[in-house]
Structures are given as C-alpha cells and as structure tokens.
Amino acid sequence: MEKQQKATAYWKENLRYLLILLSIWFLVSYGAGILFKDLLDNFSLGGFPLGFWFAQQGSIYVFVILIFVYVRLMNKLDKKYGFDE
C-alpha cells in the first residue's frame, strides 16, 4: 500500500472513531442529562435522581472513560497502519 493511501485510510478510520465516541458522549451528556431527564428521574443513584446525576457527573465520567477507549483504539490503529513507535 502506498504511503499516501495508508495515511488516508488511517485518517478515515480515525475520524470514524471520533464520530462514534463523540456521538456516545453527546447522547450521554445531552440525551441523558436533558432530553431523557424526566424519564431517568424515576430512578435514583446514591440518593439523587438519575437524570440529575447524569447532568452533573455522569457525562464527565463517561467522557473520561471515552478518552481511555480512544487511546486504546488509536494504539491499535497505529499498529495496524505501521505508525507506532
């Protein structure tokens, strides 16, 4: 595979990962914290309504987890296309 073709394929796959992970974060932060808040408030976590919890803390936890997932995916992607050190 030509070097430019490898780089193009690498960035396409990277952008796909980014779109998927940012979509998950959007659904958790905006969806669970705002759109589905009333539905989630029927449940509680630690004595607080679940919708409130997602709006205040849950989206931050999910974002940190997604950072680690992204690092793992990028390490695999680097090895796949030979860009690892």
PDB file of N, CA and C in Angstrom:
ATOM      1  N   MET A   1       0.847  -1.177   0.000  1.00  0.00           N
ATOM      2  CA  MET A   1       0.000   0.000   0.000  1.00  0.00           C
ATOM      3  C   MET A   1       0.898   1.246   0.000  1.00  0.00           C
ATOM      4  N   GLU A   2       0.576   2.174  -0.826  1.00  0.00           N
ATOM      5  CA  GLU A   2       1.335   3.417  -0.929  1.00  0.00           C
ATOM      6  C   GLU A   2       1.199   4.224   0.372  1.00  0.00           C
ATOM      7  N   LYS A   3       2.236   4.997   0.661  1.00  0.00           N
ATOM      8  CA  LYS A   3       2.270   5.755   1.914  1.00  0.00           C
ATOM      9  C   LYS A   3       1.090   6.721   2.028  1.00  0.00           C
ATOM     10  N   GLN A   4       0.747   7.414   0.966  1.00  0.00           N
ATOM     11  CA  GLN A   4      -0.375   8.360   0.990  1.00  0.00           C
ATOM     12  C   GLN A   4      -1.709   7.633   1.177  1.00  0.00           C
ATOM     13  N   GLN A   5      -1.850   6.477   0.549  1.00  0.00           N
ATOM     14  CA  GLN A   5      -3.085   5.694   0.717  1.00  0.00           C
ATOM     15  C   GLN A   5      -3.227   5.199   2.146  1.00  0.00           C
ATOM     16  N   LYS A   6      -2.099   4.774   2.763  1.00  0.00           N
ATOM     17  CA  LYS A   6      -2.139   4.344   4.165  1.00  0.00           C
ATOM     18  C   LYS A   6      -2.546   5.494   5.073  1.00  0.00           C
ATOM     19  N   ALA A   7      -1.983   6.677   4.809  1.00  0.00           N
ATOM     20  CA  ALA A   7      -2.303   7.842   5.634  1.00  0.00           C
ATOM     21  C   ALA A   7      -3.771   8.235   5.484  1.00  0.00           C
ATOM     22  N   THR A   8      -4.289   8.170   4.268  1.00  0.00           N
ATOM     23  CA  THR A   8      -5.701   8.497   4.035  1.00  0.00           C
ATOM     24  C   THR A   8      -6.616   7.500   4.729  1.00  0.00           C
ATOM     25  N   ALA A   9      -6.310   6.212   4.622  1.00  0.00           N
ATOM     26  CA  ALA A   9      -7.118   5.183   5.281  1.00  0.00           C
ATOM     27  C   ALA A   9      -7.046   5.327   6.794  1.00  0.00           C
ATOM     28  N   TYR A  10      -5.874   5.662   7.297  1.00  0.00           N
ATOM     29  CA  TYR A  10      -5.672   5.872   8.727  1.00  0.00           C
ATOM     30  C   TYR A  10      -6.572   6.993   9.237  1.00  0.00           C
ATOM     31  N   TRP A  11      -6.585   8.136   8.531  1.00  0.00           N
ATOM     32  CA  TRP A  11      -7.374   9.274   8.984  1.00  0.00           C
ATOM     33  C   TRP A  11      -8.866   9.039   8.827  1.00  0.00           C
ATOM     34  N   LYS A  12      -9.269   8.292   7.811  1.00  0.00           N
ATOM     35  CA  LYS A  12     -10.694   7.962   7.680  1.00  0.00           C
ATOM     36  C   LYS A  12     -11.159   7.117   8.855  1.00  0.00           C
ATOM     37  N   GLU A  13     -10.352   6.139   9.222  1.00  0.00           N
ATOM     38  CA  GLU A  13     -10.724   5.291  10.356  1.00  0.00           C
ATOM     39  C   GLU A  13     -10.672   6.082  11.664  1.00  0.00           C
ATOM     40  N   ASN A  14      -9.700   6.963  11.795  1.00  0.00           N
ATOM     41  CA  ASN A  14      -9.593   7.813  12.970  1.00  0.00           C
ATOM     42  C   ASN A  14     -10.832   8.705  13.104  1.00  0.00           C
ATOM     43  N   LEU A  15     -11.250   9.321  12.014  1.00  0.00           N
ATOM     44  CA  LEU A  15     -12.444  10.172  12.052  1.00  0.00           C
ATOM     45  C   LEU A  15     -13.700   9.377  12.378  1.00  0.00           C
ATOM     46  N   ARG A  16     -13.773   8.148  11.905  1.00  0.00           N
ATOM     47  CA  ARG A  16     -14.917   7.283  12.224  1.00  0.00           C
ATOM     48  C   ARG A  16     -14.961   7.015  13.731  1.00  0.00           C
ATOM     49  N   TYR A  17     -13.800   6.716  14.325  1.00  0.00           N
ATOM     50  CA  TYR A  17     -13.734   6.511  15.772  1.00  0.00           C
ATOM     51  C   TYR A  17     -14.168   7.769  16.521  1.00  0.00           C
ATOM     52  N   LEU A  18     -13.671   8.917  16.072  1.00  0.00           N
ATOM     53  CA  LEU A  18     -14.026  10.176  16.725  1.00  0.00           C
ATOM     54  C   LEU A  18     -15.527  10.445  16.665  1.00  0.00           C
ATOM     55  N   LEU A  19     -16.121  10.247  15.506  1.00  0.00           N
ATOM     56  CA  LEU A  19     -17.566  10.483  15.370  1.00  0.00           C
ATOM     57  C   LEU A  19     -18.375   9.549  16.259  1.00  0.00           C
ATOM     58  N   ILE A  20     -17.983   8.297  16.335  1.00  0.00           N
ATOM     59  CA  ILE A  20     -18.704   7.337  17.176  1.00  0.00           C
ATOM     60  C   ILE A  20     -18.582   7.719  18.647  1.00  0.00           C
ATOM     61  N   LEU A  21     -17.357   8.011  19.096  1.00  0.00           N
ATOM     62  CA  LEU A  21     -17.145   8.323  20.511  1.00  0.00           C
ATOM     63  C   LEU A  21     -17.787   9.646  20.905  1.00  0.00           C
ATOM     64  N   LEU A  22     -17.703  10.640  20.045  1.00  0.00           N
ATOM     65  CA  LEU A  22     -18.353  11.917  20.361  1.00  0.00           C
ATOM     66  C   LEU A  22     -19.875  11.798  20.324  1.00  0.00           C
ATOM     67  N   SER A  23     -20.398  10.925  19.484  1.00  0.00           N
ATOM     68  CA  SER A  23     -21.847  10.682  19.468  1.00  0.00           C
ATOM     69  C   SER A  23     -22.302  10.042  20.771  1.00  0.00           C
ATOM     70  N   ILE A  24     -21.507   9.098  21.271  1.00  0.00           N
ATOM     71  CA  ILE A  24     -21.830   8.467  22.555  1.00  0.00           C
ATOM     72  C   ILE A  24     -21.825   9.517  23.657  1.00  0.00           C
ATOM     73  N   TRP A  25     -20.799  10.377  23.665  1.00  0.00           N
ATOM     74  CA  TRP A  25     -20.724  11.413  24.690  1.00  0.00           C
ATOM     75  C   TRP A  25     -21.893  12.379  24.575  1.00  0.00           C
ATOM     76  N   PHE A  26     -22.272  12.750  23.368  1.00  0.00           N
ATOM     77  CA  PHE A  26     -23.408  13.645  23.168  1.00  0.00           C
ATOM     78  C   PHE A  26     -24.689  13.007  23.696  1.00  0.00           C
ATOM     79  N   LEU A  27     -24.904  11.735  23.370  1.00  0.00           N
ATOM     80  CA  LEU A  27     -26.111  11.061  23.848  1.00  0.00           C
ATOM     81  C   LEU A  27     -26.158  10.995  25.366  1.00  0.00           C
ATOM     82  N   VAL A  28     -25.013  10.751  25.983  1.00  0.00           N
ATOM     83  CA  VAL A  28     -24.986  10.657  27.443  1.00  0.00           C
ATOM     84  C   VAL A  28     -25.156  12.040  28.072  1.00  0.00           C
ATOM     85  N   SER A  29     -24.423  13.028  27.575  1.00  0.00           N
ATOM     86  CA  SER A  29     -24.477  14.343  28.229  1.00  0.00           C
ATOM     87  C   SER A  29     -25.758  15.100  27.902  1.00  0.00           C
ATOM     88  N   TYR A  30     -26.103  15.183  26.639  1.00  0.00           N
ATOM     89  CA  TYR A  30     -27.293  15.944  26.261  1.00  0.00           C
ATOM     90  C   TYR A  30     -28.556  15.096  26.395  1.00  0.00           C
ATOM     91  N   GLY A  31     -28.478  13.865  25.911  1.00  0.00           N
ATOM     92  CA  GLY A  31     -29.654  12.997  25.938  1.00  0.00           C
ATOM     93  C   GLY A  31     -30.070  12.626  27.351  1.00  0.00           C
ATOM     94  N   ALA A  32     -29.128  12.024  28.109  1.00  0.00           N
ATOM     95  CA  ALA A  32     -29.469  11.564  29.454  1.00  0.00           C
ATOM     96  C   ALA A  32     -29.627  12.725  30.430  1.00  0.00           C
ATOM     97  N   GLY A  33     -28.871  13.794  30.242  1.00  0.00           N
ATOM     98  CA  GLY A  33     -28.925  14.909  31.186  1.00  0.00           C
ATOM     99  C   GLY A  33     -30.049  15.890  30.925  1.00  0.00           C
ATOM    100  N   ILE A  34     -30.535  15.964  29.676  1.00  0.00           N
ATOM    101  CA  ILE A  34     -31.538  16.975  29.334  1.00  0.00           C
ATOM    102  C   ILE A  34     -32.793  16.346  28.715  1.00  0.00           C
ATOM    103  N   LEU A  35     -32.620  15.633  27.610  1.00  0.00           N
ATOM    104  CA  LEU A  35     -33.785  15.113  26.885  1.00  0.00           C
ATOM    105  C   LEU A  35     -34.543  14.042  27.659  1.00  0.00           C
ATOM    106  N   PHE A  36     -33.819  13.099  28.267  1.00  0.00           N
ATOM    107  CA  PHE A  36     -34.464  11.983  28.955  1.00  0.00           C
ATOM    108  C   PHE A  36     -34.424  12.140  30.469  1.00  0.00           C
ATOM    109  N   LYS A  37     -34.228  13.368  30.934  1.00  0.00           N
ATOM    110  CA  LYS A  37     -34.106  13.631  32.361  1.00  0.00           C
ATOM    111  C   LYS A  37     -35.348  13.196  33.138  1.00  0.00           C
ATOM    112  N   ASP A  38     -36.510  13.546  32.640  1.00  0.00           N
ATOM    113  CA  ASP A  38     -37.747  13.206  33.360  1.00  0.00           C
ATOM    114  C   ASP A  38     -37.934  11.699  33.478  1.00  0.00           C
ATOM    115  N   LEU A  39     -37.610  10.982  32.428  1.00  0.00           N
ATOM    116  CA  LEU A  39     -37.719   9.518  32.456  1.00  0.00           C
ATOM    117  C   LEU A  39     -36.702   8.924  33.425  1.00  0.00           C
ATOM    118  N   LEU A  40     -35.477   9.426  33.387  1.00  0.00           N
ATOM    119  CA  LEU A  40     -34.422   8.899  34.255  1.00  0.00           C
ATOM    120  C   LEU A  40     -34.604   9.295  35.711  1.00  0.00           C
ATOM    121  N   ASP A  41     -35.324  10.375  35.984  1.00  0.00           N
ATOM    122  CA  ASP A  41     -35.544  10.802  37.362  1.00  0.00           C
ATOM    123  C   ASP A  41     -36.414   9.821  38.149  1.00  0.00           C
ATOM    124  N   ASN A  42     -37.023   8.868  37.475  1.00  0.00           N
ATOM    125  CA  ASN A  42     -37.782   7.831  38.177  1.00  0.00           C
ATOM    126  C   ASN A  42     -36.863   6.871  38.917  1.00  0.00           C
ATOM    127  N   PHE A  43     -35.579   6.880  38.573  1.00  0.00           N
ATOM    128  CA  PHE A  43     -34.587   6.025  39.225  1.00  0.00           C
ATOM    129  C   PHE A  43     -33.632   6.922  40.005  1.00  0.00           C
ATOM    130  N   SER A  44     -32.973   6.335  40.995  1.00  0.00           N
ATOM    131  CA  SER A  44     -32.016   7.137  41.760  1.00  0.00           C
ATOM    132  C   SER A  44     -30.680   6.414  41.848  1.00  0.00           C
ATOM    133  N   LEU A  45     -29.642   7.207  42.017  1.00  0.00           N
ATOM    134  CA  LEU A  45     -28.283   6.687  42.172  1.00  0.00           C
ATOM    135  C   LEU A  45     -27.628   7.475  43.291  1.00  0.00           C
ATOM    136  N   GLY A  46     -27.332   6.808  44.371  1.00  0.00           N
ATOM    137  CA  GLY A  46     -26.732   7.487  45.517  1.00  0.00           C
ATOM    138  C   GLY A  46     -27.667   8.480  46.180  1.00  0.00           C
ATOM    139  N   GLY A  47     -28.958   8.268  46.070  1.00  0.00           N
ATOM    140  CA  GLY A  47     -29.928   9.162  46.681  1.00  0.00           C
ATOM    141  C   GLY A  47     -30.324  10.341  45.810  1.00  0.00           C
ATOM    142  N   PHE A  48     -29.753  10.442  44.633  1.00  0.00           N
ATOM    143  CA  PHE A  48     -30.072  11.538  43.713  1.00  0.00           C
ATOM    144  C   PHE A  48     -30.799  10.983  42.491  1.00  0.00           C
ATOM    145  N   PRO A  49     -31.702  11.767  41.906  1.00  0.00           N
ATOM    146  CA  PRO A  49     -32.367  11.327  40.682  1.00  0.00           C
ATOM    147  C   PRO A  49     -31.332  11.067  39.583  1.00  0.00           C
ATOM    148  N   LEU A  50     -31.532   9.999  38.831  1.00  0.00           N
ATOM    149  CA  LEU A  50     -30.554   9.583  37.825  1.00  0.00           C
ATOM    150  C   LEU A  50     -30.348  10.640  36.743  1.00  0.00           C
ATOM    151  N   GLY A  51     -31.393  11.346  36.330  1.00  0.00           N
ATOM    152  CA  GLY A  51     -31.251  12.408  35.341  1.00  0.00           C
ATOM    153  C   GLY A  51     -30.359  13.527  35.847  1.00  0.00           C
ATOM    154  N   PHE A  52     -30.527  13.903  37.101  1.00  0.00           N
ATOM    155  CA  PHE A  52     -29.673  14.924  37.714  1.00  0.00           C
ATOM    156  C   PHE A  52     -28.233  14.441  37.784  1.00  0.00           C
ATOM    157  N   TRP A  53     -28.054  13.172  38.169  1.00  0.00           N
ATOM    158  CA  TRP A  53     -26.712  12.620  38.283  1.00  0.00           C
ATOM    159  C   TRP A  53     -25.989  12.660  36.940  1.00  0.00           C
ATOM    160  N   PHE A  54     -26.668  12.259  35.857  1.00  0.00           N
ATOM    161  CA  PHE A  54     -26.035  12.296  34.536  1.00  0.00           C
ATOM    162  C   PHE A  54     -25.697  13.725  34.120  1.00  0.00           C
ATOM    163  N   ALA A  55     -26.569  14.656  34.429  1.00  0.00           N
ATOM    164  CA  ALA A  55     -26.313  16.047  34.056  1.00  0.00           C
ATOM    165  C   ALA A  55     -25.128  16.620  34.826  1.00  0.00           C
ATOM    166  N   GLN A  56     -24.944  16.210  36.075  1.00  0.00           N
ATOM    167  CA  GLN A  56     -23.896  16.796  36.904  1.00  0.00           C
ATOM    168  C   GLN A  56     -22.582  16.030  36.863  1.00  0.00           C
ATOM    169  N   GLN A  57     -22.637  14.696  36.875  1.00  0.00           N
ATOM    170  CA  GLN A  57     -21.409  13.916  36.992  1.00  0.00           C
ATOM    171  C   GLN A  57     -21.268  12.831  35.940  1.00  0.00           C
ATOM    172  N   GLY A  58     -22.352  12.239  35.552  1.00  0.00           N
ATOM    173  CA  GLY A  58     -22.296  11.081  34.664  1.00  0.00           C
ATOM    174  C   GLY A  58     -21.628  11.357  33.343  1.00  0.00           C
ATOM    175  N   SER A  59     -21.915  12.498  32.743  1.00  0.00           N
ATOM    176  CA  SER A  59     -21.309  12.800  31.443  1.00  0.00           C
ATOM    177  C   SER A  59     -19.806  13.014  31.571  1.00  0.00           C
ATOM    178  N   ILE A  60     -19.349  13.519  32.706  1.00  0.00           N
ATOM    179  CA  ILE A  60     -17.911  13.698  32.923  1.00  0.00           C
ATOM    180  C   ILE A  60     -17.233  12.340  33.043  1.00  0.00           C
ATOM    181  N   TYR A  61     -17.840  11.418  33.803  1.00  0.00           N
ATOM    182  CA  TYR A  61     -17.270  10.077  33.933  1.00  0.00           C
ATOM    183  C   TYR A  61     -17.222   9.372  32.588  1.00  0.00           C
ATOM    184  N   VAL A  62     -18.294   9.489  31.832  1.00  0.00           N
ATOM    185  CA  VAL A  62     -18.329   8.850  30.516  1.00  0.00           C
ATOM    186  C   VAL A  62     -17.267   9.455  29.609  1.00  0.00           C
ATOM    187  N   PHE A  63     -17.067  10.768  29.666  1.00  0.00           N
ATOM    188  CA  PHE A  63     -16.053  11.409  28.846  1.00  0.00           C
ATOM    189  C   PHE A  63     -14.655  10.889  29.192  1.00  0.00           C
ATOM    190  N   VAL A  64     -14.348  10.745  30.464  1.00  0.00           N
ATOM    191  CA  VAL A  64     -13.036  10.228  30.874  1.00  0.00           C
ATOM    192  C   VAL A  64     -12.861   8.784  30.400  1.00  0.00           C
ATOM    193  N   ILE A  65     -13.893   7.978  30.512  1.00  0.00           N
ATOM    194  CA  ILE A  65     -13.823   6.596  30.021  1.00  0.00           C
ATOM    195  C   ILE A  65     -13.607   6.577  28.513  1.00  0.00           C
ATOM    196  N   LEU A  66     -14.288   7.460  27.796  1.00  0.00           N
ATOM    197  CA  LEU A  66     -14.126   7.522  26.347  1.00  0.00           C
ATOM    198  C   LEU A  66     -12.717   7.954  25.948  1.00  0.00           C
ATOM    199  N   ILE A  67     -12.062   8.757  26.756  1.00  0.00           N
ATOM    200  CA  ILE A  67     -10.671   9.123  26.480  1.00  0.00           C
ATOM    201  C   ILE A  67      -9.792   7.877  26.510  1.00  0.00           C
ATOM    202  N   PHE A  68      -9.967   7.032  27.520  1.00  0.00           N
ATOM    203  CA  PHE A  68      -9.180   5.805  27.599  1.00  0.00           C
ATOM    204  C   PHE A  68      -9.511   4.850  26.448  1.00  0.00           C
ATOM    205  N   VAL A  69     -10.766   4.775  26.069  1.00  0.00           N
ATOM    206  CA  VAL A  69     -11.167   3.942  24.926  1.00  0.00           C
ATOM    207  C   VAL A  69     -10.510   4.467  23.654  1.00  0.00           C
ATOM    208  N   TYR A  70     -10.499   5.786  23.479  1.00  0.00           N
ATOM    209  CA  TYR A  70      -9.881   6.385  22.289  1.00  0.00           C
ATOM    210  C   TYR A  70      -8.383   6.089  22.234  1.00  0.00           C
ATOM    211  N   VAL A  71      -7.708   6.183  23.369  1.00  0.00           N
ATOM    212  CA  VAL A  71      -6.275   5.881  23.411  1.00  0.00           C
ATOM    213  C   VAL A  71      -6.029   4.439  23.001  1.00  0.00           C
ATOM    214  N   ARG A  72      -6.827   3.532  23.508  1.00  0.00           N
ATOM    215  CA  ARG A  72      -6.677   2.113  23.167  1.00  0.00           C
ATOM    216  C   ARG A  72      -6.936   1.887  21.678  1.00  0.00           C
ATOM    217  N   LEU A  73      -7.990   2.493  21.148  1.00  0.00           N
ATOM    218  CA  LEU A  73      -8.294   2.341  19.725  1.00  0.00           C
ATOM    219  C   LEU A  73      -7.190   2.927  18.853  1.00  0.00           C
ATOM    220  N   MET A  74      -6.645   4.063  19.251  1.00  0.00           N
ATOM    221  CA  MET A  74      -5.594   4.687  18.455  1.00  0.00           C
ATOM    222  C   MET A  74      -4.298   3.886  18.501  1.00  0.00           C
ATOM    223  N   ASN A  75      -3.986   3.274  19.633  1.00  0.00           N
ATOM    224  CA  ASN A  75      -2.805   2.413  19.692  1.00  0.00           C
ATOM    225  C   ASN A  75      -2.949   1.233  18.736  1.00  0.00           C
ATOM    226  N   LYS A  76      -4.137   0.634  18.695  1.00  0.00           N
ATOM    227  CA  LYS A  76      -4.382  -0.463  17.753  1.00  0.00           C
ATOM    228  C   LYS A  76      -4.300   0.027  16.310  1.00  0.00           C
ATOM    229  N   LEU A  77      -4.857   1.207  16.063  1.00  0.00           N
ATOM    230  CA  LEU A  77      -4.847   1.770  14.709  1.00  0.00           C
ATOM    231  C   LEU A  77      -3.419   2.096  14.264  1.00  0.00           C
ATOM    232  N   ASP A  78      -2.617   2.636  15.166  1.00  0.00           N
ATOM    233  CA  ASP A  78      -1.225   2.924  14.842  1.00  0.00           C
ATOM    234  C   ASP A  78      -0.471   1.651  14.457  1.00  0.00           C
ATOM    235  N   LYS A  79      -0.688   0.575  15.197  1.00  0.00           N
ATOM    236  CA  LYS A  79      -0.035  -0.696  14.879  1.00  0.00           C
ATOM    237  C   LYS A  79      -0.530  -1.250  13.561  1.00  0.00           C
ATOM    238  N   LYS A  80      -1.820  -1.113  13.311  1.00  0.00           N
ATOM    239  CA  LYS A  80      -2.412  -1.645  12.076  1.00  0.00           C
ATOM    240  C   LYS A  80      -1.796  -0.995  10.840  1.00  0.00           C
ATOM    241  N   TYR A  81      -1.555   0.295  10.884  1.00  0.00           N
ATOM    242  CA  TYR A  81      -1.031   1.020   9.721  1.00  0.00           C
ATOM    243  C   TYR A  81       0.467   1.287   9.814  1.00  0.00           C
ATOM    244  N   GLY A  82       1.128   0.776  10.834  1.00  0.00           N
ATOM    245  CA  GLY A  82       2.574   0.905  10.944  1.00  0.00           C
ATOM    246  C   GLY A  82       3.054   2.277  11.369  1.00  0.00           C
ATOM    247  N   PHE A  83       2.239   3.022  12.097  1.00  0.00           N
ATOM    248  CA  PHE A  83       2.641   4.339  12.575  1.00  0.00           C
ATOM    249  C   PHE A  83       3.052   4.322  14.039  1.00  0.00           C
ATOM    250  N   ASP A  84       3.150   3.136  14.638  1.00  0.00           N
ATOM    251  CA  ASP A  84       3.550   3.075  16.036  1.00  0.00           C
ATOM    252  C   ASP A  84       5.061   3.252  16.151  1.00  0.00           C
ATOM    253  N   GLU A  85       5.489   3.583  17.347  1.00  0.00           N
ATOM    254  CA  GLU A  85       6.932   3.826  17.551  1.00  0.00           C
ATOM    255  C   GLU A  85       7.625   2.561  17.955  1.00  0.00           C
TER     256      GLU A  85
END
